[in-house]
């Protein structure tokens, strides 16, 4: 059983930066595509970014392109999300997830992911 634990969230002013971490443990953790999603109050969970297991291929939501960067350190079983130029609309709970059993592709759909962390709150003040 894979366990994912996010950290790094917090309160930041607009224009600031945060780096989220996702540490995996358990059966061959983080040897599969993995991604970041977020969910704001009253809204559906939405895709933020994803990367293949070696991070050679990266995918981003249009709303975060050029501001967020996903990276992985598989030797540390850790995935990161560097978030720059943060905006109040980035406020949400951020989740990391691992895509194990589904075929490649469709990285933007939450139902394609099999393991999820508990989430970390990011709040951006204006």
N, C-alpha and C. Protein backbone atom coordinates (compact mmCIF):
# COMPACT_ATOMS: atom_id res chain seq x y z
N UNK A 1 0.84 -1.19 0.00
CA UNK A 1 0.00 0.00 0.00
C UNK A 1 0.88 1.25 0.00
N UNK A 2 0.65 2.12 -0.96
CA UNK A 2 1.42 3.34 -1.07
C UNK A 2 0.78 4.41 -0.19
N UNK A 3 1.61 5.14 0.51
CA UNK A 3 1.13 6.29 1.28
C UNK A 3 1.82 7.54 0.78
N UNK A 4 1.04 8.59 0.55
CA UNK A 4 1.55 9.85 0.08
C UNK A 4 1.26 10.92 1.13
N UNK A 5 2.27 11.72 1.46
CA UNK A 5 2.10 12.76 2.46
C UNK A 5 2.61 14.08 1.90
N UNK A 6 1.71 15.06 1.83
CA UNK A 6 2.08 16.37 1.33
C UNK A 6 2.50 17.29 2.47
N UNK A 7 3.32 18.26 2.16
CA UNK A 7 3.70 19.29 3.11
C UNK A 7 4.11 20.53 2.34
N UNK A 8 4.30 21.64 3.06
CA UNK A 8 4.78 22.86 2.44
C UNK A 8 3.73 23.92 2.21
N UNK A 9 2.49 23.60 2.49
CA UNK A 9 1.45 24.60 2.32
C UNK A 9 1.55 25.69 3.37
N UNK A 10 0.75 26.74 3.20
CA UNK A 10 0.76 27.83 4.15
C UNK A 10 0.08 29.05 3.61
N UNK A 11 0.28 30.16 4.32
CA UNK A 11 -0.29 31.44 3.93
C UNK A 11 0.80 32.30 3.30
N UNK A 12 0.51 32.85 2.13
CA UNK A 12 1.49 33.67 1.43
C UNK A 12 0.76 34.82 0.76
N UNK A 13 1.45 35.92 0.59
CA UNK A 13 0.85 37.07 -0.10
C UNK A 13 0.89 36.85 -1.61
N UNK A 14 0.00 37.49 -2.30
CA UNK A 14 -0.01 37.42 -3.76
C UNK A 14 1.35 37.84 -4.30
N UNK A 15 1.82 37.10 -5.29
CA UNK A 15 3.13 37.33 -5.86
C UNK A 15 4.24 36.52 -5.21
N UNK A 16 3.93 35.89 -4.11
CA UNK A 16 4.91 35.09 -3.40
C UNK A 16 5.06 33.69 -3.96
N UNK A 17 5.86 32.89 -3.26
CA UNK A 17 6.17 31.53 -3.71
C UNK A 17 6.04 30.53 -2.57
N UNK A 18 5.73 29.31 -2.93
CA UNK A 18 5.73 28.18 -2.02
C UNK A 18 6.23 26.96 -2.77
N UNK A 19 6.82 26.03 -2.03
CA UNK A 19 7.18 24.75 -2.63
C UNK A 19 6.52 23.64 -1.83
N UNK A 20 5.68 22.89 -2.51
CA UNK A 20 5.03 21.74 -1.91
C UNK A 20 5.87 20.50 -2.13
N UNK A 21 5.83 19.61 -1.15
CA UNK A 21 6.51 18.32 -1.25
C UNK A 21 5.50 17.21 -1.07
N UNK A 22 5.76 16.09 -1.71
CA UNK A 22 4.94 14.89 -1.58
C UNK A 22 5.89 13.72 -1.39
N UNK A 23 5.89 13.15 -0.20
CA UNK A 23 6.77 12.03 0.10
C UNK A 23 5.97 10.75 0.05
N UNK A 24 6.51 9.76 -0.65
CA UNK A 24 5.82 8.49 -0.81
C UNK A 24 6.53 7.39 -0.04
N UNK A 25 5.74 6.45 0.47
CA UNK A 25 6.30 5.29 1.14
C UNK A 25 5.45 4.08 0.80
N UNK A 26 6.03 2.89 0.97
CA UNK A 26 5.28 1.69 0.66
C UNK A 26 5.85 0.97 -0.54
N UNK A 27 5.04 0.20 -1.19
CA UNK A 27 5.43 -0.62 -2.32
C UNK A 27 5.95 0.25 -3.46
N UNK A 28 7.17 0.05 -3.90
CA UNK A 28 7.82 0.77 -5.02
C UNK A 28 7.17 2.13 -5.23
N UNK A 29 7.28 3.01 -4.27
CA UNK A 29 6.61 4.30 -4.39
C UNK A 29 7.20 5.15 -5.48
N UNK A 30 6.38 6.00 -6.03
CA UNK A 30 6.76 7.00 -7.04
C UNK A 30 7.57 6.38 -8.16
N UNK A 31 7.17 5.22 -8.68
CA UNK A 31 7.75 4.67 -9.89
C UNK A 31 6.76 4.76 -11.04
N UNK A 32 5.72 5.56 -10.84
CA UNK A 32 4.67 5.71 -11.81
C UNK A 32 4.43 7.20 -12.05
N UNK A 33 3.65 7.53 -13.07
CA UNK A 33 3.26 8.94 -13.22
C UNK A 33 2.58 9.45 -11.96
N UNK A 34 2.81 10.69 -11.67
CA UNK A 34 2.20 11.29 -10.49
C UNK A 34 1.85 12.74 -10.79
N UNK A 35 0.96 13.27 -10.01
CA UNK A 35 0.51 14.62 -10.29
C UNK A 35 0.04 15.36 -9.07
N UNK A 36 -0.29 16.61 -9.30
CA UNK A 36 -0.84 17.50 -8.29
C UNK A 36 -2.23 17.98 -8.74
N UNK A 37 -3.14 17.98 -7.79
CA UNK A 37 -4.48 18.51 -8.00
C UNK A 37 -4.77 19.50 -6.88
N UNK A 38 -5.82 20.29 -7.06
CA UNK A 38 -6.24 21.20 -6.01
C UNK A 38 -7.75 21.29 -5.98
N UNK A 39 -8.25 21.64 -4.80
CA UNK A 39 -9.69 21.78 -4.64
C UNK A 39 -9.99 22.96 -3.73
N UNK A 40 -10.70 23.92 -4.28
CA UNK A 40 -11.13 25.09 -3.52
C UNK A 40 -12.52 24.82 -2.95
N UNK A 41 -12.90 25.52 -1.89
CA UNK A 41 -14.23 25.30 -1.29
C UNK A 41 -15.35 25.48 -2.31
N UNK A 42 -16.24 24.51 -2.36
CA UNK A 42 -17.38 24.58 -3.26
C UNK A 42 -17.08 24.26 -4.70
N UNK A 43 -15.84 23.87 -4.99
CA UNK A 43 -15.46 23.57 -6.37
C UNK A 43 -14.99 22.13 -6.49
N UNK A 44 -14.98 21.65 -7.72
CA UNK A 44 -14.49 20.30 -7.97
C UNK A 44 -12.96 20.27 -7.92
N UNK A 45 -12.44 19.09 -7.68
CA UNK A 45 -10.99 18.92 -7.69
C UNK A 45 -10.50 19.14 -9.12
N UNK A 46 -9.44 19.94 -9.27
CA UNK A 46 -8.96 20.25 -10.60
C UNK A 46 -7.47 19.91 -10.75
N UNK A 47 -7.11 19.59 -11.97
CA UNK A 47 -5.73 19.23 -12.31
C UNK A 47 -4.83 20.45 -12.23
N UNK A 48 -3.63 20.25 -11.73
CA UNK A 48 -2.63 21.31 -11.68
C UNK A 48 -1.43 20.95 -12.54
N UNK A 49 -0.81 19.79 -12.26
CA UNK A 49 0.39 19.40 -12.99
C UNK A 49 0.60 17.91 -12.83
N UNK A 50 1.32 17.32 -13.78
CA UNK A 50 1.66 15.89 -13.70
C UNK A 50 2.99 15.67 -14.39
N UNK A 51 3.63 14.57 -14.02
CA UNK A 51 4.90 14.20 -14.64
C UNK A 51 4.99 12.70 -14.75
N UNK A 52 5.62 12.22 -15.80
CA UNK A 52 5.92 10.80 -15.92
C UNK A 52 6.95 10.42 -14.87
N UNK A 53 7.22 9.12 -14.73
CA UNK A 53 8.01 8.69 -13.58
C UNK A 53 9.41 9.28 -13.57
N UNK A 54 9.98 9.56 -14.74
CA UNK A 54 11.31 10.16 -14.78
C UNK A 54 11.25 11.67 -15.03
N UNK A 55 10.03 12.22 -15.05
CA UNK A 55 9.79 13.65 -15.24
C UNK A 55 10.22 14.15 -16.61
N UNK A 56 10.47 13.24 -17.54
CA UNK A 56 10.81 13.67 -18.90
C UNK A 56 9.64 14.36 -19.56
N UNK A 57 8.45 13.96 -19.22
CA UNK A 57 7.25 14.58 -19.76
C UNK A 57 6.48 15.22 -18.61
N UNK A 58 6.13 16.47 -18.80
CA UNK A 58 5.41 17.23 -17.77
C UNK A 58 4.18 17.86 -18.40
N UNK A 59 3.15 17.97 -17.61
CA UNK A 59 1.88 18.50 -18.09
C UNK A 59 1.37 19.51 -17.08
N UNK A 60 0.80 20.59 -17.57
CA UNK A 60 0.33 21.65 -16.70
C UNK A 60 -1.05 22.13 -17.12
N UNK A 61 -1.83 22.54 -16.14
CA UNK A 61 -3.06 23.24 -16.44
C UNK A 61 -2.71 24.62 -17.00
N UNK A 62 -3.53 25.12 -17.89
CA UNK A 62 -3.26 26.43 -18.49
C UNK A 62 -3.14 27.52 -17.43
N UNK A 63 -3.89 27.38 -16.37
CA UNK A 63 -3.93 28.43 -15.34
C UNK A 63 -2.63 28.55 -14.55
N UNK A 64 -1.76 27.53 -14.64
CA UNK A 64 -0.52 27.58 -13.85
C UNK A 64 0.73 27.54 -14.72
N UNK A 65 0.57 27.38 -16.02
CA UNK A 65 1.73 27.33 -16.92
C UNK A 65 2.58 28.58 -16.78
N UNK A 66 3.88 28.37 -16.69
CA UNK A 66 4.80 29.50 -16.55
C UNK A 66 4.99 29.96 -15.12
N UNK A 67 4.15 29.49 -14.22
CA UNK A 67 4.26 29.88 -12.81
C UNK A 67 4.61 28.70 -11.91
N UNK A 68 4.11 27.52 -12.21
CA UNK A 68 4.34 26.33 -11.39
C UNK A 68 5.28 25.38 -12.13
N UNK A 69 6.08 24.65 -11.35
CA UNK A 69 6.96 23.64 -11.93
C UNK A 69 6.90 22.38 -11.10
N UNK A 70 6.65 21.27 -11.76
CA UNK A 70 6.64 19.98 -11.10
C UNK A 70 8.00 19.31 -11.29
N UNK A 71 8.47 18.66 -10.24
CA UNK A 71 9.74 17.94 -10.33
C UNK A 71 9.69 16.73 -9.42
N UNK A 72 10.64 15.82 -9.64
CA UNK A 72 10.67 14.58 -8.86
C UNK A 72 12.11 14.25 -8.49
N UNK A 73 12.28 13.69 -7.31
CA UNK A 73 13.53 13.10 -6.90
C UNK A 73 13.20 11.68 -6.47
N UNK A 74 13.26 10.76 -7.42
CA UNK A 74 12.83 9.40 -7.14
C UNK A 74 13.73 8.70 -6.14
N UNK A 75 14.99 9.13 -6.05
CA UNK A 75 15.89 8.54 -5.05
C UNK A 75 15.40 8.86 -3.64
N UNK A 76 14.68 9.96 -3.50
CA UNK A 76 14.12 10.35 -2.20
C UNK A 76 12.63 10.07 -2.12
N UNK A 77 12.09 9.43 -3.16
CA UNK A 77 10.65 9.15 -3.21
C UNK A 77 9.83 10.41 -2.97
N UNK A 78 10.26 11.50 -3.55
CA UNK A 78 9.63 12.78 -3.31
C UNK A 78 9.32 13.49 -4.63
N UNK A 79 8.15 14.10 -4.65
CA UNK A 79 7.74 14.94 -5.76
C UNK A 79 7.51 16.35 -5.24
N UNK A 80 7.78 17.33 -6.07
CA UNK A 80 7.67 18.72 -5.64
C UNK A 80 6.75 19.50 -6.58
N UNK A 81 6.22 20.59 -6.05
CA UNK A 81 5.53 21.56 -6.88
C UNK A 81 6.01 22.94 -6.45
N UNK A 82 6.84 23.54 -7.28
CA UNK A 82 7.30 24.89 -7.03
C UNK A 82 6.26 25.86 -7.58
N UNK A 83 5.74 26.71 -6.73
CA UNK A 83 4.68 27.63 -7.12
C UNK A 83 5.18 29.06 -6.96
N UNK A 84 5.27 29.76 -8.07
CA UNK A 84 5.73 31.16 -8.08
C UNK A 84 4.61 32.07 -8.55
N UNK A 85 4.77 33.35 -8.29
CA UNK A 85 3.78 34.36 -8.71
C UNK A 85 2.37 33.94 -8.31
N UNK A 86 2.22 33.56 -7.09
CA UNK A 86 0.94 33.04 -6.62
C UNK A 86 -0.14 34.12 -6.65
N UNK A 87 -1.35 33.68 -6.93
CA UNK A 87 -2.52 34.55 -7.02
C UNK A 87 -3.57 34.10 -6.02
N UNK A 88 -4.45 35.00 -5.60
CA UNK A 88 -5.51 34.57 -4.68
C UNK A 88 -6.33 33.40 -5.21
N UNK A 89 -6.50 33.32 -6.50
CA UNK A 89 -7.28 32.20 -7.07
C UNK A 89 -6.54 30.87 -7.01
N UNK A 90 -5.29 30.86 -6.59
CA UNK A 90 -4.57 29.60 -6.37
C UNK A 90 -4.90 29.00 -5.00
N UNK A 91 -5.64 29.73 -4.19
CA UNK A 91 -6.01 29.24 -2.86
C UNK A 91 -6.83 27.96 -2.97
N UNK A 92 -6.38 26.92 -2.30
CA UNK A 92 -7.05 25.62 -2.36
C UNK A 92 -6.29 24.63 -1.48
N UNK A 93 -6.88 23.48 -1.30
CA UNK A 93 -6.15 22.34 -0.74
C UNK A 93 -5.48 21.62 -1.91
N UNK A 94 -4.20 21.39 -1.78
CA UNK A 94 -3.42 20.75 -2.84
C UNK A 94 -3.15 19.30 -2.46
N UNK A 95 -3.38 18.42 -3.43
CA UNK A 95 -3.22 16.99 -3.24
C UNK A 95 -2.21 16.44 -4.24
N UNK A 96 -1.38 15.51 -3.79
CA UNK A 96 -0.58 14.75 -4.74
C UNK A 96 -1.22 13.38 -4.94
N UNK A 97 -0.97 12.81 -6.08
CA UNK A 97 -1.60 11.54 -6.43
C UNK A 97 -0.68 10.75 -7.35
N UNK A 98 -0.81 9.43 -7.30
CA UNK A 98 0.00 8.54 -8.12
C UNK A 98 -0.91 7.73 -9.04
N UNK A 99 -0.49 7.62 -10.28
CA UNK A 99 -1.29 6.96 -11.33
C UNK A 99 -0.65 5.61 -11.62
N UNK A 100 -1.20 4.54 -11.07
CA UNK A 100 -0.55 3.24 -11.12
C UNK A 100 -1.22 2.29 -12.10
N UNK A 101 -2.53 2.13 -12.03
CA UNK A 101 -3.19 1.04 -12.74
C UNK A 101 -3.77 1.42 -14.10
N UNK A 102 -3.92 2.69 -14.37
CA UNK A 102 -4.54 3.09 -15.63
C UNK A 102 -3.47 3.27 -16.71
N UNK A 103 -3.86 3.19 -17.99
CA UNK A 103 -2.88 3.35 -19.08
C UNK A 103 -2.30 4.76 -19.11
N UNK A 104 -1.20 4.94 -19.84
CA UNK A 104 -0.62 6.30 -19.96
C UNK A 104 -1.62 7.26 -20.56
N UNK A 105 -1.45 8.54 -20.21
CA UNK A 105 -2.33 9.56 -20.76
C UNK A 105 -3.42 9.96 -19.78
N UNK A 106 -4.25 10.89 -20.22
CA UNK A 106 -5.38 11.37 -19.41
C UNK A 106 -4.93 11.83 -18.03
N UNK A 107 -3.81 12.53 -17.99
CA UNK A 107 -3.24 12.91 -16.70
C UNK A 107 -4.07 13.95 -15.98
N UNK A 108 -4.98 14.62 -16.71
CA UNK A 108 -5.74 15.69 -16.09
C UNK A 108 -6.98 15.22 -15.36
N UNK A 109 -7.27 13.94 -15.39
CA UNK A 109 -8.51 13.44 -14.78
C UNK A 109 -8.23 12.77 -13.44
N UNK A 110 -8.86 13.26 -12.37
CA UNK A 110 -8.61 12.67 -11.04
C UNK A 110 -8.94 11.20 -10.98
N UNK A 111 -9.92 10.74 -11.75
CA UNK A 111 -10.31 9.33 -11.64
C UNK A 111 -9.27 8.39 -12.26
N UNK A 112 -8.23 8.92 -12.86
CA UNK A 112 -7.15 8.11 -13.42
C UNK A 112 -6.07 7.79 -12.38
N UNK A 113 -6.20 8.38 -11.20
CA UNK A 113 -5.18 8.21 -10.16
C UNK A 113 -5.67 7.27 -9.08
N UNK A 114 -4.73 6.53 -8.51
CA UNK A 114 -5.09 5.43 -7.62
C UNK A 114 -4.76 5.69 -6.15
N UNK A 115 -3.75 6.49 -5.90
CA UNK A 115 -3.35 6.78 -4.53
C UNK A 115 -3.28 8.30 -4.35
N UNK A 116 -3.77 8.74 -3.20
CA UNK A 116 -3.87 10.16 -2.91
C UNK A 116 -3.31 10.47 -1.53
N UNK A 117 -2.73 11.68 -1.41
CA UNK A 117 -2.35 12.17 -0.10
C UNK A 117 -3.54 12.83 0.59
N UNK A 118 -3.30 13.33 1.79
CA UNK A 118 -4.37 13.92 2.58
C UNK A 118 -4.58 15.40 2.26
N UNK A 119 -3.64 16.01 1.55
CA UNK A 119 -3.77 17.39 1.14
C UNK A 119 -3.06 18.36 2.07
N UNK A 120 -2.67 19.50 1.50
CA UNK A 120 -2.06 20.58 2.26
C UNK A 120 -2.69 21.91 1.80
N UNK A 121 -3.01 22.76 2.76
CA UNK A 121 -3.73 24.00 2.46
C UNK A 121 -2.77 25.07 1.97
N UNK A 122 -3.12 25.70 0.87
CA UNK A 122 -2.40 26.87 0.36
C UNK A 122 -3.39 28.03 0.33
N UNK A 123 -3.02 29.11 1.00
CA UNK A 123 -3.87 30.30 1.03
C UNK A 123 -3.05 31.50 0.55
N UNK A 124 -3.55 32.17 -0.46
CA UNK A 124 -2.87 33.32 -1.04
C UNK A 124 -3.72 34.56 -0.76
N UNK A 125 -3.15 35.49 -0.02
CA UNK A 125 -3.88 36.72 0.32
C UNK A 125 -3.59 37.81 -0.69
N UNK A 126 -4.60 38.66 -0.90
CA UNK A 126 -4.43 39.74 -1.89
C UNK A 126 -3.85 41.00 -1.25
